[in-house]
Amino acid sequence: FLFIFAGAPWIERFQSMPRWSRALEFVSAAMAGVILNLAVVFARHTVIDGPRGFDPLALGLAVLLFAAMVSGRLGMLPAVGIAALAGLGAHVAGWL
């Protein structure tokens, strides 16, 4: 993260230069693609490639938490906490 903070003034300066601004748009698009790819990989490994194959509990929980976050009813950190507690509860109950 130090790299991000150290480079922020340079990025701000480059945004006023048309040539560099276009390059930064391409970098932003590439980073969005990388993040989307990671989301798909993590979702696939969580929902489909688990030790027992398809996991409807993980899919249902992910859909519910996503809907709650998109609607603004739940923040990211509480959603992560709820998912962790649900996973722990499913493990203790013997569902996982």
N, C-alpha and C. Protein backbone atom coordinates (compact mmCIF):
# COMPACT_ATOMS: atom_id res chain seq x y z
N PHE A 1 0.81 -1.19 0.00
CA PHE A 1 0.00 0.00 0.00
C PHE A 1 0.86 1.26 0.00
N LEU A 2 2.07 1.15 0.46
CA LEU A 2 2.96 2.30 0.42
C LEU A 2 3.19 2.74 -1.02
N PHE A 3 3.26 1.77 -1.93
CA PHE A 3 3.43 2.08 -3.35
C PHE A 3 2.27 2.94 -3.86
N ILE A 4 1.06 2.62 -3.41
CA ILE A 4 -0.12 3.38 -3.85
C ILE A 4 -0.05 4.81 -3.34
N PHE A 5 0.29 4.97 -2.07
CA PHE A 5 0.36 6.31 -1.50
C PHE A 5 1.51 7.11 -2.10
N ALA A 6 2.62 6.45 -2.38
CA ALA A 6 3.76 7.16 -2.96
C ALA A 6 3.48 7.56 -4.41
N GLY A 7 2.71 6.76 -5.13
CA GLY A 7 2.44 7.06 -6.53
C GLY A 7 1.24 7.95 -6.77
N ALA A 8 0.43 8.20 -5.74
CA ALA A 8 -0.79 9.00 -5.92
C ALA A 8 -0.53 10.40 -6.47
N PRO A 9 0.47 11.13 -5.99
CA PRO A 9 0.71 12.47 -6.58
C PRO A 9 1.06 12.41 -8.07
N TRP A 10 1.79 11.39 -8.47
CA TRP A 10 2.14 11.25 -9.88
C TRP A 10 0.90 10.95 -10.72
N ILE A 11 0.03 10.12 -10.20
CA ILE A 11 -1.20 9.79 -10.93
C ILE A 11 -2.06 11.04 -11.10
N GLU A 12 -2.16 11.85 -10.06
CA GLU A 12 -2.93 13.09 -10.15
C GLU A 12 -2.34 14.01 -11.22
N ARG A 13 -1.04 14.08 -11.29
CA ARG A 13 -0.39 14.93 -12.29
C ARG A 13 -0.61 14.38 -13.70
N PHE A 14 -0.57 13.06 -13.84
CA PHE A 14 -0.74 12.46 -15.17
C PHE A 14 -2.17 12.62 -15.69
N GLN A 15 -3.15 12.78 -14.82
CA GLN A 15 -4.53 12.91 -15.27
C GLN A 15 -4.76 14.19 -16.05
N SER A 16 -3.93 15.19 -15.83
CA SER A 16 -4.09 16.44 -16.58
C SER A 16 -3.40 16.39 -17.95
N MET A 17 -2.64 15.34 -18.21
CA MET A 17 -1.97 15.17 -19.49
C MET A 17 -2.77 14.17 -20.33
N PRO A 18 -3.27 14.59 -21.51
CA PRO A 18 -4.16 13.73 -22.29
C PRO A 18 -3.56 12.37 -22.66
N ARG A 19 -2.30 12.36 -23.01
CA ARG A 19 -1.68 11.10 -23.42
C ARG A 19 -1.59 10.13 -22.25
N TRP A 20 -1.15 10.61 -21.11
CA TRP A 20 -1.03 9.77 -19.92
C TRP A 20 -2.41 9.41 -19.36
N SER A 21 -3.35 10.32 -19.51
CA SER A 21 -4.70 10.04 -19.03
C SER A 21 -5.30 8.84 -19.77
N ARG A 22 -5.06 8.76 -21.07
CA ARG A 22 -5.55 7.62 -21.86
C ARG A 22 -4.87 6.32 -21.40
N ALA A 23 -3.59 6.38 -21.13
CA ALA A 23 -2.88 5.19 -20.64
C ALA A 23 -3.43 4.75 -19.29
N LEU A 24 -3.75 5.70 -18.43
CA LEU A 24 -4.31 5.35 -17.12
C LEU A 24 -5.69 4.72 -17.26
N GLU A 25 -6.46 5.12 -18.28
CA GLU A 25 -7.76 4.49 -18.52
C GLU A 25 -7.58 3.02 -18.88
N PHE A 26 -6.56 2.72 -19.69
CA PHE A 26 -6.29 1.33 -20.05
C PHE A 26 -5.85 0.52 -18.83
N VAL A 27 -5.03 1.11 -17.99
CA VAL A 27 -4.59 0.42 -16.78
C VAL A 27 -5.78 0.16 -15.86
N SER A 28 -6.66 1.13 -15.73
CA SER A 28 -7.86 0.96 -14.90
C SER A 28 -8.74 -0.16 -15.44
N ALA A 29 -8.90 -0.22 -16.75
CA ALA A 29 -9.71 -1.28 -17.35
C ALA A 29 -9.06 -2.65 -17.12
N ALA A 30 -7.75 -2.71 -17.24
CA ALA A 30 -7.05 -3.97 -17.00
C ALA A 30 -7.20 -4.41 -15.55
N MET A 31 -7.11 -3.48 -14.62
CA MET A 31 -7.26 -3.83 -13.21
C MET A 31 -8.69 -4.30 -12.91
N ALA A 32 -9.67 -3.67 -13.53
CA ALA A 32 -11.06 -4.12 -13.34
C ALA A 32 -11.22 -5.55 -13.87
N GLY A 33 -10.58 -5.86 -14.97
CA GLY A 33 -10.62 -7.22 -15.51
C GLY A 33 -9.96 -8.23 -14.59
N VAL A 34 -8.84 -7.85 -13.99
CA VAL A 34 -8.16 -8.74 -13.06
C VAL A 34 -9.02 -9.00 -11.83
N ILE A 35 -9.65 -7.96 -11.31
CA ILE A 35 -10.52 -8.11 -10.14
C ILE A 35 -11.71 -9.00 -10.47
N LEU A 36 -12.32 -8.81 -11.64
CA LEU A 36 -13.44 -9.64 -12.05
C LEU A 36 -13.01 -11.10 -12.21
N ASN A 37 -11.84 -11.32 -12.79
CA ASN A 37 -11.32 -12.68 -12.94
C ASN A 37 -11.12 -13.33 -11.58
N LEU A 38 -10.55 -12.61 -10.63
CA LEU A 38 -10.36 -13.17 -9.29
C LEU A 38 -11.70 -13.50 -8.63
N ALA A 39 -12.70 -12.65 -8.83
CA ALA A 39 -14.02 -12.92 -8.26
C ALA A 39 -14.60 -14.21 -8.84
N VAL A 40 -14.45 -14.40 -10.14
CA VAL A 40 -14.97 -15.62 -10.78
C VAL A 40 -14.22 -16.85 -10.28
N VAL A 41 -12.91 -16.76 -10.17
CA VAL A 41 -12.11 -17.89 -9.70
C VAL A 41 -12.48 -18.25 -8.26
N PHE A 42 -12.57 -17.25 -7.38
CA PHE A 42 -12.94 -17.53 -5.99
C PHE A 42 -14.34 -18.10 -5.89
N ALA A 43 -15.28 -17.57 -6.67
CA ALA A 43 -16.65 -18.08 -6.64
C ALA A 43 -16.69 -19.53 -7.13
N ARG A 44 -15.96 -19.81 -8.19
CA ARG A 44 -15.94 -21.19 -8.71
C ARG A 44 -15.38 -22.16 -7.69
N HIS A 45 -14.29 -21.79 -7.05
CA HIS A 45 -13.69 -22.69 -6.07
C HIS A 45 -14.53 -22.82 -4.81
N THR A 46 -15.28 -21.79 -4.47
CA THR A 46 -16.11 -21.84 -3.27
C THR A 46 -17.41 -22.60 -3.52
N VAL A 47 -18.06 -22.35 -4.63
CA VAL A 47 -19.39 -22.91 -4.87
C VAL A 47 -19.34 -24.25 -5.58
N ILE A 48 -18.41 -24.45 -6.49
CA ILE A 48 -18.43 -25.65 -7.33
C ILE A 48 -17.32 -26.64 -6.99
N ASP A 49 -16.09 -26.17 -6.86
CA ASP A 49 -14.95 -27.07 -6.73
C ASP A 49 -14.61 -27.42 -5.29
N GLY A 50 -15.56 -27.35 -4.40
CA GLY A 50 -15.30 -27.69 -3.01
C GLY A 50 -15.08 -29.19 -2.87
N PRO A 51 -14.83 -29.65 -1.65
CA PRO A 51 -14.57 -31.08 -1.44
C PRO A 51 -15.75 -31.97 -1.82
N ARG A 52 -16.97 -31.43 -1.79
CA ARG A 52 -18.15 -32.24 -2.10
C ARG A 52 -18.82 -31.83 -3.41
N GLY A 53 -18.16 -31.08 -4.24
CA GLY A 53 -18.77 -30.62 -5.48
C GLY A 53 -19.59 -29.37 -5.27
N PHE A 54 -20.79 -29.32 -5.84
CA PHE A 54 -21.65 -28.15 -5.75
C PHE A 54 -22.10 -27.94 -4.31
N ASP A 55 -22.01 -26.70 -3.84
CA ASP A 55 -22.39 -26.36 -2.47
C ASP A 55 -23.53 -25.35 -2.49
N PRO A 56 -24.78 -25.80 -2.35
CA PRO A 56 -25.91 -24.86 -2.41
C PRO A 56 -25.92 -23.89 -1.24
N LEU A 57 -25.40 -24.29 -0.08
CA LEU A 57 -25.33 -23.38 1.06
C LEU A 57 -24.44 -22.18 0.75
N ALA A 58 -23.29 -22.43 0.17
CA ALA A 58 -22.37 -21.33 -0.18
C ALA A 58 -22.99 -20.43 -1.24
N LEU A 59 -23.64 -21.01 -2.23
CA LEU A 59 -24.27 -20.21 -3.28
C LEU A 59 -25.40 -19.36 -2.72
N GLY A 60 -26.26 -19.97 -1.91
CA GLY A 60 -27.37 -19.22 -1.32
C GLY A 60 -26.91 -18.09 -0.43
N LEU A 61 -25.91 -18.38 0.40
CA LEU A 61 -25.38 -17.35 1.29
C LEU A 61 -24.74 -16.21 0.49
N ALA A 62 -24.00 -16.56 -0.55
CA ALA A 62 -23.36 -15.53 -1.38
C ALA A 62 -24.41 -14.65 -2.07
N VAL A 63 -25.46 -15.26 -2.59
CA VAL A 63 -26.51 -14.49 -3.27
C VAL A 63 -27.23 -13.57 -2.28
N LEU A 64 -27.57 -14.10 -1.10
CA LEU A 64 -28.26 -13.28 -0.09
C LEU A 64 -27.39 -12.11 0.38
N LEU A 65 -26.13 -12.38 0.66
CA LEU A 65 -25.25 -11.31 1.13
C LEU A 65 -24.99 -10.29 0.03
N PHE A 66 -24.84 -10.74 -1.20
CA PHE A 66 -24.65 -9.81 -2.31
C PHE A 66 -25.87 -8.90 -2.46
N ALA A 67 -27.06 -9.48 -2.40
CA ALA A 67 -28.29 -8.68 -2.52
C ALA A 67 -28.39 -7.67 -1.38
N ALA A 68 -28.02 -8.08 -0.17
CA ALA A 68 -28.07 -7.17 0.97
C ALA A 68 -27.07 -6.03 0.81
N MET A 69 -25.89 -6.33 0.28
CA MET A 69 -24.89 -5.28 0.10
C MET A 69 -25.28 -4.33 -1.03
N VAL A 70 -25.81 -4.86 -2.13
CA VAL A 70 -26.21 -4.00 -3.25
C VAL A 70 -27.37 -3.09 -2.86
N SER A 71 -28.29 -3.61 -2.06
CA SER A 71 -29.44 -2.79 -1.65
C SER A 71 -29.06 -1.76 -0.59
N GLY A 72 -27.87 -1.85 -0.04
CA GLY A 72 -27.42 -0.89 0.96
C GLY A 72 -27.81 -1.25 2.38
N ARG A 73 -28.35 -2.43 2.58
CA ARG A 73 -28.76 -2.85 3.92
C ARG A 73 -27.61 -3.40 4.75
N LEU A 74 -26.52 -3.74 4.09
CA LEU A 74 -25.41 -4.38 4.79
C LEU A 74 -24.10 -3.89 4.19
N GLY A 75 -23.14 -3.60 5.05
CA GLY A 75 -21.82 -3.20 4.59
C GLY A 75 -20.95 -4.41 4.31
N MET A 76 -19.76 -4.16 3.78
CA MET A 76 -18.87 -5.24 3.42
C MET A 76 -18.36 -6.01 4.64
N LEU A 77 -17.90 -5.29 5.66
CA LEU A 77 -17.34 -5.97 6.83
C LEU A 77 -18.39 -6.80 7.57
N PRO A 78 -19.60 -6.30 7.80
CA PRO A 78 -20.60 -7.17 8.41
C PRO A 78 -20.93 -8.39 7.54
N ALA A 79 -20.93 -8.22 6.22
CA ALA A 79 -21.20 -9.35 5.33
C ALA A 79 -20.12 -10.41 5.46
N VAL A 80 -18.87 -9.99 5.54
CA VAL A 80 -17.77 -10.95 5.71
C VAL A 80 -17.92 -11.66 7.06
N GLY A 81 -18.27 -10.91 8.10
CA GLY A 81 -18.47 -11.52 9.41
C GLY A 81 -19.61 -12.52 9.42
N ILE A 82 -20.71 -12.17 8.78
CA ILE A 82 -21.85 -13.09 8.70
C ILE A 82 -21.48 -14.35 7.94
N ALA A 83 -20.77 -14.19 6.83
CA ALA A 83 -20.34 -15.36 6.05
C ALA A 83 -19.41 -16.25 6.85
N ALA A 84 -18.49 -15.64 7.60
CA ALA A 84 -17.57 -16.43 8.42
C ALA A 84 -18.33 -17.18 9.51
N LEU A 85 -19.25 -16.51 10.17
CA LEU A 85 -20.04 -17.18 11.22
C LEU A 85 -20.93 -18.27 10.64
N ALA A 86 -21.50 -18.04 9.47
CA ALA A 86 -22.33 -19.06 8.83
C ALA A 86 -21.49 -20.28 8.45
N GLY A 87 -20.30 -20.04 7.93
CA GLY A 87 -19.41 -21.15 7.59
C GLY A 87 -18.98 -21.92 8.82
N LEU A 88 -18.67 -21.20 9.89
CA LEU A 88 -18.30 -21.87 11.14
C LEU A 88 -19.47 -22.67 11.69
N GLY A 89 -20.67 -22.08 11.64
CA GLY A 89 -21.85 -22.79 12.11
C GLY A 89 -22.14 -24.04 11.29
N ALA A 90 -21.99 -23.94 9.97
CA ALA A 90 -22.20 -25.11 9.11
C ALA A 90 -21.17 -26.19 9.39
N HIS A 91 -19.95 -25.79 9.67
CA HIS A 91 -18.90 -26.76 9.99
C HIS A 91 -19.19 -27.46 11.32
N VAL A 92 -19.56 -26.68 12.32
CA VAL A 92 -19.86 -27.26 13.64
C VAL A 92 -21.07 -28.18 13.55
N ALA A 93 -22.06 -27.80 12.74
CA ALA A 93 -23.27 -28.62 12.59
C ALA A 93 -23.03 -29.88 11.76
N GLY A 94 -21.87 -29.95 11.12
CA GLY A 94 -21.55 -31.12 10.32
C GLY A 94 -22.03 -31.05 8.88
N TRP A 95 -22.45 -29.88 8.43
CA TRP A 95 -22.92 -29.73 7.05
C TRP A 95 -21.75 -29.60 6.08
N LEU A 96 -20.59 -29.27 6.59
CA LEU A 96 -19.41 -29.12 5.72
C LEU A 96 -18.38 -30.16 6.05
